[in-house]
Protein backbone atom coordinates (compact mmCIF):
# COMPACT_ATOMS: atom_id res chain seq x y z
CA MET A 1 20.52 29.07 -20.93
CA TYR A 2 19.20 27.58 -17.78
CA ASN A 3 15.48 27.30 -16.87
CA LEU A 4 15.38 28.72 -13.47
CA ILE A 5 17.74 30.53 -11.03
CA ILE A 6 16.88 31.35 -7.65
CA ARG A 7 19.45 34.07 -6.28
CA ASN A 8 20.41 35.30 -3.09
CA ALA A 9 19.43 32.23 -1.12
CA LEU A 10 21.02 30.92 2.06
CA ILE A 11 21.32 27.06 0.42
CA ALA A 12 21.13 23.87 2.62
CA ASP A 13 22.23 20.99 0.58
CA GLY A 14 20.23 18.22 2.99
CA LEU A 15 23.27 16.92 4.01
CA GLY A 16 23.36 18.54 6.97
CA ASN A 17 26.30 20.72 6.06
CA PRO A 18 26.23 24.51 6.92
CA LEU A 19 24.26 27.21 4.89
CA ILE A 20 26.05 28.68 2.01
CA GLU A 21 25.15 32.13 0.59
CA GLY A 22 24.30 31.86 -3.12
CA ASP A 23 22.65 31.35 -6.35
CA LEU A 24 21.23 27.97 -7.85
CA ALA A 25 20.42 26.83 -11.28
CA VAL A 26 18.00 24.63 -12.95
CA LYS A 27 17.92 22.83 -16.14
CA ASP A 28 15.58 20.08 -17.17
CA GLY A 29 14.13 19.32 -13.95
CA ARG A 30 18.08 18.88 -12.10
CA VAL A 31 20.13 21.15 -10.04
CA ALA A 32 22.99 22.51 -12.64
CA ALA A 33 24.78 25.00 -10.78
CA ILE A 34 25.23 25.94 -7.08
CA GLY A 35 26.80 29.07 -6.33
CA HIS A 36 27.66 33.02 -8.09
CA ILE A 37 26.05 32.07 -11.39
CA GLU A 38 26.43 34.24 -14.25
CA GLY A 39 24.51 32.89 -16.70
CA ASN A 40 21.04 33.59 -17.55
CA ALA A 41 17.54 31.73 -17.11
CA LEU A 42 13.95 31.57 -18.50
CA ASP A 43 12.93 32.25 -14.83
CA THR A 44 14.46 34.34 -11.96
CA LEU A 45 13.57 34.29 -8.73
CA ASP A 46 15.37 36.31 -6.10
CA ALA A 47 15.44 34.95 -2.63
CA GLU A 48 16.28 37.60 -0.36
CA GLY A 49 18.04 35.69 1.67
CA HIS A 50 15.58 32.99 2.56
CA VAL A 51 16.58 29.57 2.72
CA LEU A 52 15.88 27.17 -0.35
CA ALA A 53 16.42 23.40 1.09
CA PRO A 54 14.93 19.96 -0.25
CA GLY A 55 12.02 19.17 -0.45
CA VAL A 56 10.36 17.12 2.34
CA ILE A 57 10.49 13.34 1.73
CA ASP A 58 7.32 12.00 3.63
CA ILE A 59 7.76 8.35 3.80
CA HIS A 60 4.35 7.55 5.68
CA THR A 61 1.36 8.77 3.68
CA HIS A 62 -2.02 7.05 3.20
CA TYR A 63 -2.68 8.88 -0.59
CA ASP A 64 -3.03 5.62 -2.39
CA ALA A 65 -6.76 6.58 -3.48
CA GLN A 66 -6.52 9.89 -3.35
CA LEU A 67 -3.71 10.30 -5.93
CA THR A 68 -6.55 8.80 -8.74
CA TRP A 69 -8.71 12.03 -8.24
CA ASP A 70 -6.17 14.78 -6.82
CA LYS A 71 -2.81 14.96 -8.76
CA THR A 72 -1.96 17.52 -6.16
CA ALA A 73 -1.91 15.20 -3.25
CA SER A 74 -3.29 18.14 -0.84
CA PRO A 75 -2.15 19.43 1.16
CA SER A 76 1.33 18.02 0.81
CA PRO A 77 2.82 20.09 -1.30
CA ALA A 78 1.68 22.99 0.33
CA LEU A 79 3.78 21.92 3.45
CA GLY A 80 6.40 21.83 1.73
CA VAL A 81 6.49 18.07 0.32
CA THR A 82 8.30 16.77 -2.28
CA THR A 83 7.80 13.00 -2.17
CA VAL A 84 5.50 10.74 -0.88
CA VAL A 85 5.42 7.10 -0.19
CA VAL A 86 1.92 5.46 -0.01
CA GLY A 87 1.07 1.78 0.65
CA ASN A 88 1.84 2.17 4.37
CA CYS A 89 1.04 -0.30 7.10
CA GLY A 90 -0.24 -2.65 4.66
CA PHE A 91 -2.85 -0.50 3.39
CA GLY A 92 -3.48 0.59 0.02
CA VAL A 93 -5.51 0.21 -3.19
CA ALA A 94 -3.85 -2.37 -5.56
CA PRO A 95 -3.65 -5.37 -6.43
CA ALA A 96 -7.46 -4.82 -6.67
CA PRO A 97 -9.63 -7.89 -8.63
CA GLU A 98 -12.90 -6.57 -9.21
CA GLU A 99 -14.32 -9.15 -7.31
CA HIS A 100 -12.52 -8.04 -3.67
CA ARG A 101 -12.18 -4.32 -5.31
CA ASP A 102 -15.11 -3.07 -2.54
CA SER A 103 -13.62 -5.00 0.14
CA ILE A 104 -10.04 -3.48 -0.37
CA LEU A 105 -11.70 -0.16 -0.23
CA ALA A 106 -13.97 -0.44 2.67
CA ASN A 107 -11.25 -2.24 4.77
CA LEU A 108 -8.97 0.71 3.77
CA ALA A 109 -11.86 3.32 4.82
CA GLU A 110 -12.23 1.81 8.35
CA VAL A 111 -8.82 1.22 9.16
CA GLU A 112 -7.48 4.68 8.27
CA ALA A 113 -10.72 6.29 9.13
CA MET A 114 -11.62 7.82 5.68
CA SER A 115 -15.14 8.35 4.50
CA LEU A 116 -16.13 5.84 2.51
CA GLU A 117 -18.57 7.68 0.13
CA SER A 118 -15.53 9.92 -0.36
CA LEU A 119 -13.40 7.16 -1.53
CA ARG A 120 -16.54 5.25 -4.10
CA ALA A 121 -16.88 8.87 -5.05
CA GLY A 122 -13.27 9.67 -5.96
CA ILE A 123 -11.48 6.93 -6.85
CA ASP A 124 -10.78 5.85 -10.31
CA THR A 125 -10.58 2.39 -10.20
CA ASN A 126 -9.84 1.58 -13.79
CA TYR A 127 -6.91 -0.79 -12.81
CA GLU A 128 -6.41 -4.13 -11.41
CA THR A 129 -3.13 -5.14 -10.60
CA PHE A 130 -0.30 -3.48 -8.75
CA GLY A 131 1.69 -2.45 -11.95
CA GLU A 132 -1.62 -0.91 -13.66
CA TYR A 133 -1.80 0.83 -10.95
CA MET A 134 1.47 2.84 -10.97
CA SER A 135 0.74 3.32 -14.69
CA LEU A 136 -2.57 5.08 -14.15
CA LEU A 137 -0.79 7.30 -11.53
CA GLU A 138 1.51 7.84 -14.43
CA GLU A 139 -1.11 8.37 -16.78
CA LYS A 140 -2.93 10.92 -14.50
CA GLY A 141 -0.02 12.66 -13.41
CA THR A 142 1.35 13.99 -9.64
CA TYR A 143 2.24 17.12 -8.45
CA PRO A 144 4.86 14.87 -5.90
CA ASN A 145 6.83 12.39 -6.68
CA VAL A 146 5.39 8.73 -5.87
CA ALA A 147 6.80 5.70 -4.05
CA VAL A 148 4.72 3.08 -3.84
CA LEU A 149 5.02 -0.11 -1.08
CA ALA A 150 3.29 -3.56 -1.81
CA SER A 151 0.50 -3.69 0.60
CA HIS A 152 0.55 -6.91 2.66
CA ALA A 153 -3.42 -6.63 3.76
CA VAL A 154 -4.24 -5.79 0.17
CA MET A 155 -2.34 -9.07 -1.32
CA ARG A 156 -4.11 -10.83 1.19
CA THR A 157 -7.78 -9.84 0.52
CA ALA A 158 -6.62 -10.28 -3.49
CA VAL A 159 -5.97 -13.93 -2.85
CA MET A 160 -8.16 -14.77 0.07
CA GLY A 161 -10.72 -12.42 -0.16
CA ASP A 162 -12.91 -12.18 3.12
CA ALA A 163 -11.12 -15.05 4.61
CA GLY A 164 -7.95 -13.25 4.55
CA SER A 165 -9.06 -11.64 8.04
CA GLN A 166 -10.48 -14.81 9.53
CA ARG A 167 -7.20 -17.30 9.02
CA ALA A 168 -3.88 -18.27 8.09
CA ALA A 169 -3.24 -18.65 4.44
CA THR A 170 -2.99 -22.12 3.07
CA ASP A 171 0.58 -22.98 1.35
CA ASP A 172 -0.94 -22.20 -2.38
CA GLU A 173 -2.63 -19.08 -0.93
CA LEU A 174 0.69 -17.99 0.18
CA GLU A 175 2.40 -18.90 -2.83
CA GLN A 176 -0.24 -16.48 -4.82
CA MET A 177 0.59 -13.49 -2.48
CA LEU A 178 4.58 -13.83 -3.05
CA ASP A 179 3.58 -14.06 -6.82
CA LEU A 180 1.80 -10.75 -6.44
CA PHE A 181 4.54 -9.32 -4.37
CA ARG A 182 7.29 -10.09 -6.78
CA GLU A 183 5.11 -8.44 -9.53
CA ALA A 184 4.62 -5.46 -7.62
CA MET A 185 8.45 -5.42 -6.76
CA ASP A 186 8.97 -6.38 -10.64
CA ALA A 187 6.80 -3.05 -11.31
CA GLY A 188 8.77 -0.94 -9.11
CA ALA A 189 7.10 -1.09 -5.91
CA VAL A 190 10.14 0.39 -3.13
CA GLY A 191 9.41 -2.37 -0.51
CA LEU A 192 6.79 -4.37 1.34
CA GLY A 193 4.12 -2.43 3.82
CA SER A 194 2.51 -4.42 6.51
CA SER A 195 1.28 -4.10 10.14
CA SER A 196 0.18 -6.31 12.99
CA ASN A 197 -0.69 -3.67 15.44
CA GLU A 198 -3.59 -4.29 17.56
CA ASN A 199 -5.58 -1.03 16.55
CA HIS A 200 -5.87 -1.89 13.03
CA ARG A 201 -9.28 -3.06 12.34
CA GLY A 202 -10.99 -3.48 8.81
CA ALA A 203 -14.97 -2.90 7.67
CA GLY A 204 -17.06 -3.92 10.35
CA GLY A 205 -14.11 -3.84 13.10
CA ILE A 206 -12.39 -7.49 11.86
CA PRO A 207 -8.82 -7.32 12.33
CA ILE A 208 -6.98 -6.35 9.12
CA ALA A 209 -6.18 -8.74 7.10
CA SER A 210 -2.11 -8.92 7.83
CA ARG A 211 -3.22 -9.64 11.55
CA PHE A 212 -3.68 -13.09 10.81
CA SER A 213 -0.32 -13.80 8.98
CA THR A 214 2.11 -16.31 10.98
CA ASP A 215 5.79 -15.03 11.79
CA ASP A 216 6.43 -17.81 8.75
CA GLU A 217 4.35 -16.05 5.91
CA TYR A 218 6.38 -12.63 7.26
CA ARG A 219 9.42 -14.84 6.48
CA SER A 220 8.63 -16.05 3.31
CA PHE A 221 7.72 -12.42 2.34
CA ALA A 222 11.04 -11.23 3.33
CA LYS A 223 12.53 -14.22 1.38
CA VAL A 224 11.61 -12.80 -1.47
CA LEU A 225 12.38 -9.39 -0.72
CA SER A 226 15.76 -10.69 -0.57
CA GLU A 227 15.46 -11.75 -4.25
CA TYR A 228 16.04 -7.93 -5.30
CA ASP A 229 19.23 -5.53 -5.34
CA HIS A 230 16.68 -2.76 -3.53
CA GLY A 231 13.19 -2.80 -1.18
CA VAL A 232 12.39 -1.79 2.49
CA PHE A 233 10.28 -3.40 5.00
CA MET A 234 8.10 -1.08 7.01
CA ALA A 235 5.70 -2.56 9.66
CA THR A 236 3.11 -0.64 12.26
CA PHE A 237 4.01 -3.65 15.03
CA GLY A 238 2.00 -3.42 18.32
CA GLU A 239 2.58 -5.93 21.13
CA MET A 240 2.78 -8.90 18.85
CA HIS A 241 5.89 -7.73 17.35
CA GLY A 242 8.85 -5.67 18.25
CA ILE A 243 12.14 -4.73 16.91
CA PRO A 244 13.97 -7.91 17.71
CA PHE A 245 11.42 -9.19 14.51
CA VAL A 246 12.15 -6.45 12.48
CA GLU A 247 15.49 -7.21 13.13
CA GLU A 248 15.18 -10.92 11.91
CA MET A 249 13.10 -9.59 8.93
CA SER A 250 16.08 -7.37 7.75
CA GLU A 251 18.76 -10.04 8.57
CA ILE A 252 16.64 -12.44 6.43
CA SER A 253 15.97 -9.83 3.22
CA GLY A 254 19.47 -7.89 3.87
CA LYS A 255 17.28 -4.73 3.44
CA PRO A 256 16.35 -1.44 6.02
CA GLY A 257 13.63 -2.68 8.44
CA CYS A 258 11.61 0.46 9.46
CA TYR A 259 9.27 0.19 12.90
CA ALA A 260 6.57 2.39 13.22
CA ALA A 261 4.87 3.58 15.40
CA HIS A 262 7.59 5.30 17.28
CA PHE A 263 5.60 7.57 19.88
CA TYR A 264 6.68 8.99 23.96
CA HIS A 265 3.77 7.56 25.76
CA PRO A 266 2.95 9.27 28.66
CA ARG A 267 1.57 6.53 30.39
CA GLN A 268 4.72 4.47 29.40
CA PRO A 269 7.30 6.58 28.57
CA GLU A 270 9.98 4.13 28.93
CA ARG A 271 8.60 2.20 26.16
CA GLY A 272 9.85 4.90 23.48
CA LEU A 273 13.19 4.96 24.90
CA ARG A 274 13.46 0.87 25.28
CA ILE A 275 12.40 0.88 20.87
CA MET A 276 15.25 3.59 20.44
CA LYS A 277 17.68 1.44 21.84
CA GLU A 278 16.80 -2.13 20.76
CA ALA A 279 17.08 -0.29 16.85
CA GLU A 280 20.43 1.21 17.91
CA ALA A 281 21.42 -2.15 19.28
CA ALA A 282 20.36 -3.80 15.69
CA ARG A 283 22.60 -1.12 13.68
CA GLN A 284 25.43 -1.82 16.09
CA ARG A 285 25.39 -5.29 14.95
CA GLY A 286 25.15 -4.02 11.34
CA LEU A 287 21.50 -4.74 10.70
CA PRO A 288 19.55 -1.39 8.69
CA VAL A 289 16.65 -1.11 11.82
CA PHE A 290 15.05 1.85 12.14
CA THR A 291 11.77 3.34 13.68
CA GLN A 292 9.52 5.94 11.71
CA GLY A 293 8.71 8.82 14.86
CA SER A 294 6.64 12.14 14.79
CA CYS A 295 8.07 15.29 15.99
CA GLN A 296 4.32 16.80 16.65
CA PRO A 297 1.80 15.58 19.33
CA LEU A 298 -0.41 13.26 18.33
CA SER A 299 -4.14 14.50 18.36
CA LEU A 300 -7.43 12.73 16.67
CA SER A 301 -10.62 14.82 16.16
CA PHE A 302 -14.07 12.89 16.25
CA TYR A 303 -17.89 12.84 16.86
CA LEU A 304 -19.09 10.63 19.39
CA ASP A 305 -20.86 8.65 16.78
CA GLY A 306 -17.55 7.73 15.24
CA ALA A 307 -15.08 7.57 18.24
CA TYR A 308 -12.18 5.79 16.57
CA ALA A 309 -9.97 6.36 19.40
CA LEU A 310 -12.28 4.56 21.55
CA LYS A 311 -13.14 1.86 19.16
CA THR A 312 -10.00 -0.02 21.47
CA TYR A 313 -12.06 -0.53 24.26
CA SER A 314 -14.16 -3.78 24.16
CA ILE A 315 -17.13 -1.99 26.02
CA TRP A 316 -17.23 0.61 23.56
CA PRO A 317 -20.29 0.27 21.00
CA THR A 318 -19.75 -0.77 17.74
CA THR A 319 -23.12 0.78 15.99
CA GLU A 320 -22.73 4.22 14.53
CA ASP A 321 -26.71 4.76 14.73
CA GLN A 322 -27.59 7.43 16.90
CA ASP A 323 -30.55 6.57 18.42
CA GLU A 324 -28.98 3.46 19.27
CA LEU A 325 -25.91 5.36 20.86
CA ARG A 326 -28.14 7.78 22.79
CA THR A 327 -29.57 4.61 24.81
CA ILE A 328 -26.26 3.36 25.81
CA PHE A 329 -24.81 6.36 26.55
CA SER A 330 -27.50 7.50 28.76
CA ASP A 331 -27.51 4.17 30.55
CA SER A 332 -25.46 4.52 34.05
CA ASP A 333 -24.42 1.13 33.79
CA PHE A 334 -22.55 1.80 30.46
CA ARG A 335 -20.91 4.75 31.97
CA ASN A 336 -19.92 3.33 35.54
CA ASP A 337 -18.00 0.22 33.24
CA PHE A 338 -16.36 2.42 31.14
CA ARG A 339 -15.26 4.63 33.65
CA ASP A 340 -13.76 1.28 35.12
CA ALA A 341 -12.22 0.29 31.94
CA ILE A 342 -10.09 3.21 31.19
CA LYS A 343 -8.14 3.07 34.65
CA ASP A 344 -6.96 -0.39 33.63
CA PHE A 345 -3.83 0.73 31.55
CA ASP A 346 -3.18 -1.12 28.10
CA SER A 347 -0.88 0.37 25.38
CA ALA A 348 -3.04 -1.03 22.68
CA ARG A 349 -5.65 1.43 23.41
CA LEU A 350 -5.43 4.99 22.04
CA PHE A 351 -7.05 6.78 24.61
CA THR A 352 -5.16 7.21 28.01
CA GLY A 353 -7.49 8.38 30.15
CA ARG A 354 -6.51 11.75 30.31
CA TRP A 355 -9.25 14.38 30.46
CA GLU A 356 -7.19 16.96 30.22
CA TRP A 357 -5.85 16.15 26.84
CA VAL A 358 -9.82 16.04 25.56
CA ILE A 359 -10.31 19.25 23.95
CA VAL A 360 -14.12 20.83 22.64
CA ALA A 361 -12.79 21.65 18.83
CA VAL A 362 -16.11 22.25 17.85
CA ALA A 363 -19.30 23.17 19.61
CA GLY A 364 -22.58 22.09 17.78
CA LEU A 365 -24.60 24.91 19.56
CA ASP A 366 -23.99 28.29 19.38
CA LYS A 367 -24.77 28.60 23.36
CA ASN A 368 -21.57 26.53 24.00
CA LYS A 369 -19.16 28.13 21.70
CA ASP A 370 -17.66 29.38 24.60
CA LEU A 371 -16.29 26.16 25.35
CA GLU A 372 -14.48 25.40 21.92
CA GLY A 373 -10.52 25.07 23.10
CA LYS A 374 -11.46 24.01 26.65
CA SER A 375 -10.36 20.58 27.79
CA VAL A 376 -13.22 18.47 29.10
CA LEU A 377 -11.38 18.59 32.46
CA GLU A 378 -11.38 22.14 32.74
CA ILE A 379 -15.53 22.39 32.05
CA ALA A 380 -15.87 19.48 34.24
CA VAL A 381 -14.26 21.14 37.17
CA GLU A 382 -16.52 24.37 36.31
CA ARG A 383 -19.55 22.75 36.59
CA ASP A 384 -18.44 20.41 39.18
CA VAL A 385 -19.51 17.11 37.21
CA ASP A 386 -17.47 14.03 36.40
CA PRO A 387 -15.71 14.50 33.31
CA LEU A 388 -16.91 11.02 31.52
CA ASP A 389 -20.61 12.48 32.49
CA LEU A 390 -19.67 15.94 31.01
CA PHE A 391 -18.01 14.01 27.77
CA LEU A 392 -21.03 12.11 27.01
CA ASP A 393 -23.77 15.01 28.32
CA LEU A 394 -22.42 17.50 26.10
CA ALA A 395 -22.48 15.27 22.90
CA LEU A 396 -25.74 14.33 23.31
CA GLU A 397 -26.92 17.82 24.02
CA GLU A 398 -25.64 18.75 20.83
CA ASP A 399 -26.95 15.78 19.05
CA PHE A 400 -23.86 14.47 17.99
CA LYS A 401 -22.47 17.81 16.37
CA THR A 402 -19.60 18.32 19.15
CA LYS A 403 -16.23 17.50 18.01
CA TYR A 404 -13.78 16.29 19.97
CA ALA A 405 -10.11 16.36 20.17
CA PHE A 406 -8.02 13.79 21.64
CA TYR A 407 -4.05 14.94 22.53
CA LEU A 408 -2.45 11.48 23.05
CA LEU A 409 0.63 10.87 22.61
CA ASN A 410 4.63 12.80 22.37
CA MET A 411 3.04 15.37 24.83
CA GLU A 412 5.83 15.50 26.55
CA ASP A 413 8.84 17.12 24.95
CA GLU A 414 11.95 15.92 27.07
CA GLY A 415 10.66 12.36 26.06
CA VAL A 416 9.94 13.38 22.64
CA ALA A 417 13.38 14.95 21.98
CA GLU A 418 15.44 12.08 22.91
CA ILE A 419 13.54 9.74 20.14
CA ILE A 420 13.72 12.81 17.23
CA GLY A 421 17.20 13.49 17.97
CA ASN A 422 18.28 9.71 17.37
CA ASP A 423 19.99 9.58 14.58
CA GLY A 424 17.90 6.20 13.47
CA THR A 425 14.86 8.08 13.96
CA LEU A 426 13.14 8.96 10.84
CA ILE A 427 10.64 11.53 11.29
CA SER A 428 7.64 11.37 9.55
CA LEU A 429 4.12 9.72 10.44
CA SER A 430 1.86 12.21 8.85
CA ASP A 431 -1.00 9.74 7.98
CA ALA A 432 -1.45 12.69 4.97
CA GLY A 433 -4.63 11.39 3.01
CA ALA A 434 -6.02 9.33 6.15
CA HIS A 435 -8.04 10.45 9.21
CA ASN A 436 -8.73 13.66 7.27
CA SER A 437 -11.92 14.53 9.54
CA MET A 438 -9.07 13.60 12.77
CA LEU A 439 -5.84 15.58 11.95
CA CYS A 440 -3.78 17.27 9.56
CA ASP A 441 -0.06 16.30 10.61
CA ALA A 442 1.25 16.40 7.03
CA GLY A 443 3.05 19.73 7.78
CA TYR A 444 5.26 17.97 10.57
CA ALA A 445 8.86 19.41 8.62
CA MET A 446 7.69 22.76 8.93
CA HIS A 447 6.80 22.47 13.00
CA LEU A 448 10.19 20.84 12.88
CA PHE A 449 12.07 23.65 11.74
CA GLY A 450 9.85 25.99 13.88
CA TYR A 451 9.16 24.91 17.08
CA TRP A 452 12.11 22.04 17.54
CA SER A 453 15.33 24.14 15.59
CA ARG A 454 14.02 27.58 15.90
CA GLU A 455 12.46 27.52 19.37
CA LYS A 456 14.03 24.61 21.59
CA GLY A 457 16.89 24.85 20.24
CA LEU A 458 16.89 20.71 19.64
CA PHE A 459 18.73 20.68 16.03
CA ASP A 460 20.81 23.39 14.20
CA LEU A 461 18.43 24.03 10.58
CA PRO A 462 20.77 22.02 9.12
CA THR A 463 20.42 19.13 10.95
CA ALA A 464 16.81 19.79 10.88
CA ILE A 465 16.17 19.83 7.16
CA ARG A 466 18.43 16.74 6.85
CA LYS A 467 16.28 14.73 9.38
CA VAL A 468 13.29 14.96 6.59
CA THR A 469 15.21 14.65 3.21
CA HIS A 470 18.30 13.55 2.77
CA ASP A 471 18.04 11.00 5.77
CA PRO A 472 14.88 9.08 4.27
CA ALA A 473 16.17 8.93 0.82
CA ASP A 474 18.85 7.13 2.53
CA VAL A 475 17.40 4.70 4.31
CA TYR A 476 14.49 4.12 1.23
CA GLY A 477 17.15 3.87 -1.70
CA ILE A 478 15.52 7.36 -3.07
CA ILE A 479 17.85 8.59 -5.86
CA ASP A 480 19.12 11.70 -5.92
CA ARG A 481 16.42 13.55 -4.23
CA GLY A 482 16.44 15.04 -0.41
CA GLN A 483 19.57 16.79 -1.59
CA LEU A 484 20.44 20.15 -3.40
CA THR A 485 23.74 18.92 -5.09
CA VAL A 486 24.44 19.49 -8.63
CA GLY A 487 22.57 16.79 -10.72
CA ALA A 488 20.35 16.08 -8.04
CA TRP A 489 16.58 16.73 -9.03
CA ALA A 490 15.48 20.14 -8.06
CA ASP A 491 13.08 18.90 -5.38
CA MET A 492 13.20 22.17 -3.64
CA ILE A 493 10.99 24.23 -1.05
CA LEU A 494 11.91 28.26 0.33
CA PHE A 495 11.12 29.12 3.08
CA ASP A 496 11.66 32.37 5.61
CA PRO A 497 13.63 30.49 8.78
CA ASP A 498 11.89 33.36 11.02
CA THR A 499 8.87 32.90 10.57
CA ILE A 500 8.14 29.16 9.54
CA SER A 501 5.67 27.01 11.44
CA ILE A 502 2.61 25.21 11.11
CA THR A 503 -1.27 26.64 12.20
CA LYS A 504 -3.89 25.23 13.89
CA MET A 505 -6.31 23.16 12.06
CA THR A 506 -9.74 24.21 10.03
CA GLN A 507 -12.35 22.45 8.85
CA HIS A 508 -13.13 22.14 5.53
CA PHE A 509 -15.81 19.72 3.13
CA ASP A 510 -14.21 19.31 -0.10
CA LEU A 511 -13.37 15.66 -0.63
CA PRO A 512 -15.37 13.71 -2.75
CA ALA A 513 -18.94 13.84 -1.91
CA ASP A 514 -18.81 16.61 0.06
CA GLY A 515 -16.42 14.81 2.51
CA GLU A 516 -14.98 16.58 5.61
CA ARG A 517 -11.38 17.36 6.50
CA LEU A 518 -8.56 19.03 8.64
CA LEU A 519 -6.18 21.54 6.53
CA ARG A 520 -3.31 23.33 8.09
CA GLN A 521 -1.23 26.06 6.16
CA ALA A 522 2.63 27.01 6.83
CA PRO A 523 3.56 30.33 7.31
CA GLY A 524 6.70 31.32 6.12
CA LEU A 525 6.69 28.94 3.31
CA LEU A 526 7.44 30.90 0.09
CA GLY A 527 7.67 28.11 -2.98
CA THR A 528 7.70 24.57 -3.37
CA TRP A 529 9.28 23.41 -6.66
CA ILE A 530 8.95 19.24 -7.81
CA ASN A 531 11.59 18.32 -10.67
CA GLY A 532 12.49 21.96 -11.20
CA THR A 533 8.78 23.13 -11.96
CA GLN A 534 7.05 25.51 -9.40
CA VAL A 535 4.01 23.48 -7.53
CA PHE A 536 3.12 25.97 -4.80
CA ASP A 537 4.00 29.83 -4.97
CA GLY A 538 3.25 30.40 -0.82
CA ASN A 539 -0.20 31.27 -1.36
CA ASP A 540 -1.83 28.40 -3.47
CA TYR A 541 -1.47 25.77 -6.20
CA VAL A 542 0.45 26.48 -9.24
CA ASP A 543 -1.82 24.97 -12.32
CA VAL A 544 0.91 23.48 -14.20
CA VAL A 545 1.54 19.82 -16.21
CA ALA A 546 2.35 17.61 -13.40
CA PRO A 547 5.74 17.48 -13.03
CA GLY A 548 5.96 14.22 -10.11
CA HIS A 549 7.43 11.48 -11.23
CA ILE A 550 6.25 7.77 -10.05
CA LEU A 551 9.31 6.17 -8.92
CA ARG A 552 10.22 3.04 -9.97
CA LYS A 553 13.93 2.61 -9.64
CA PHE A 554 15.79 2.80 -6.17
CA SER A 555 19.23 2.35 -4.48
CA GLY A 556 20.52 -0.69 -3.56
CA GLU A 557 23.53 0.77 -1.59
CA PRO A 558 22.74 -0.09 2.42
CA PRO A 559 21.96 2.86 4.11
CA LYS A 560 24.29 4.79 6.11
CA LEU A 561 22.23 6.53 8.67
CA GLY A 562 23.02 5.69 12.11
CA MET A 563 25.10 2.78 11.20
CA GLY A 564 28.72 4.28 12.17
CA GLN A 565 29.68 4.98 8.90
C-alpha cells in the first residue's frame, strides 16, 4: 500500500530528460515507483496531464529569523519551493551569545531591509549556539527542508561584538571564530556564507562585520572548510573581491565556490558576461566555481524616508526623521548635488539614474491614484518638470506615503539570457524572507517556466526544471532531492505548463507587529508536496504536521554541473 499515487502526469525527473507520461507513487516520504502503477494508495490524485516536477531548491534565502515563528516559510512553498538555504551573505541569527544578540538582530534588519520591530516581536531566541538553533528549528518544525550556512558576519559579531564592524580580528579572535565555524560544520552547516559587498551595511550604516575581514582571514576559513568532506563557500562580493578570489577559496578548501550576485547591469553590460566567463574558465581548470544569478528584473520598492536603494550615495541623508528629510529634500543645493552625483556611474551603487525605471507603485493620496504604474520620467515629461524634482516633490506632497519601485538590473533580455543560459549559473537570488516591503522574488522558478521557457523559448521545459532543482542540489551536495527518481525524497510540484507564471506584487501587513511585506502568487501552480506530504493545494497552505527536514548531511561528491563530465 502506497501513501500517495499521482496518476496521469507528465513527469519531469529534474535531470533534464524528456517528460514521460505516467504515474508516480510515494511511500514513507520517498518516490517508490514511476510508470504505470497498479497498486493502491491511501490517497490518489489525477494530475490530468499536468506536469509533475521536483520541488524548487532555493539556495539564496534569508528566512533565518522567520522560520522561528513561521513554519511555512511563506511565501516560498506556495511558489513551488520545497528546500531553502539560509545564512546567505554571512547574515543569519546564530550563534547568538546573549550579550551580542541585539546587535546581530539589528545588523540583520538593516542589511536585509527588514523591520527590526517585526524581528524582535517574532523571533524565538531560545538558543545561543549554532547547533541549538538547528535543534530549535527541528523542534518547531518547518514546511520546507532547510539547509543552514554558517554566517561569517554573525560569527565575527559573536566573538568581537561591535568591534567586528570596526577592525581586523586579532589572532586570538580569529581562532575563536574558526572554532565557531567548526562547531557549525559539526552541527550540520552546509558551508560558509560571507560578504564583502560595498552595499552591505549594518545597524547605523556601518559596514557589515565581514567587510573588515582580511584576505588571510578568508583563507583561514577556507582551510577549516577543507577539513570536512562536504561544504560550499557562498560569497556576495563587490569590487573588493571577484571570481579569482572565489577560485582561490575553492582551491584551498577543495569545495564549490558560489559568487553572488550575478546580474546583467544596464550601464556596465560587459561586467556580467566577464564574471560568467571567468567562472567558466575556473571550471575548465577543474575548480568548481559557480555564480548565483537571477532570471528576473531586480526591483526594489521603498518610501522616501527609508530609501534603501539610495543609501549607497554618500550625499543621501542617513536620517529617517521626516521633519529633517523635509528640510533636506526641499533644499535646492541638495537637489543639485544629488543630480550631479547620479551622473557619475559607480557599479557599487544600486540606483543607476534611469528615471524611466522608477515607478510610482503606490500613491499616498487619492487624487494621485492615476499616477500608479507610471514612471517618474513619464510623469515629469507630462508636467514639464525635472524628474528628480518630481521624485522628491511628490513624496513631500504625499507626506512620505508615496511608494516607489526601482527597476535596477536584469532589464535587457539578451544579456540576461546569456547569463542564465550558462551551465555554471545557479538560478536563484530570491532573497526570500528579506527586503519584505521592497520585493518578492521567491517565485523566480515560476517566472523561468512561464516567461523564459514557454514564452521566450530559451530553454525547453525539462532544462528549465533542471536549472532550479537538480543543478543547485548538485553543487550544494543536497542528497536525494531536486529529482524525481525512485528512492529520492518526494519533494514535488504539480503545475499547468500553459498557465504557470508569477503575478505582480501585492501589499500586505501580516508580519509580526503588523509589519509590511509584498507577496506574489503563482497562477498555474496546482500543488506542492514536501517529503510526500502536501503543503499547498493550489489555493492555500494545508494544515499538516510540518514535514520538512533540517538538513545536516550532505554529499561530498564534487559537482558535475558545468565541469565537463
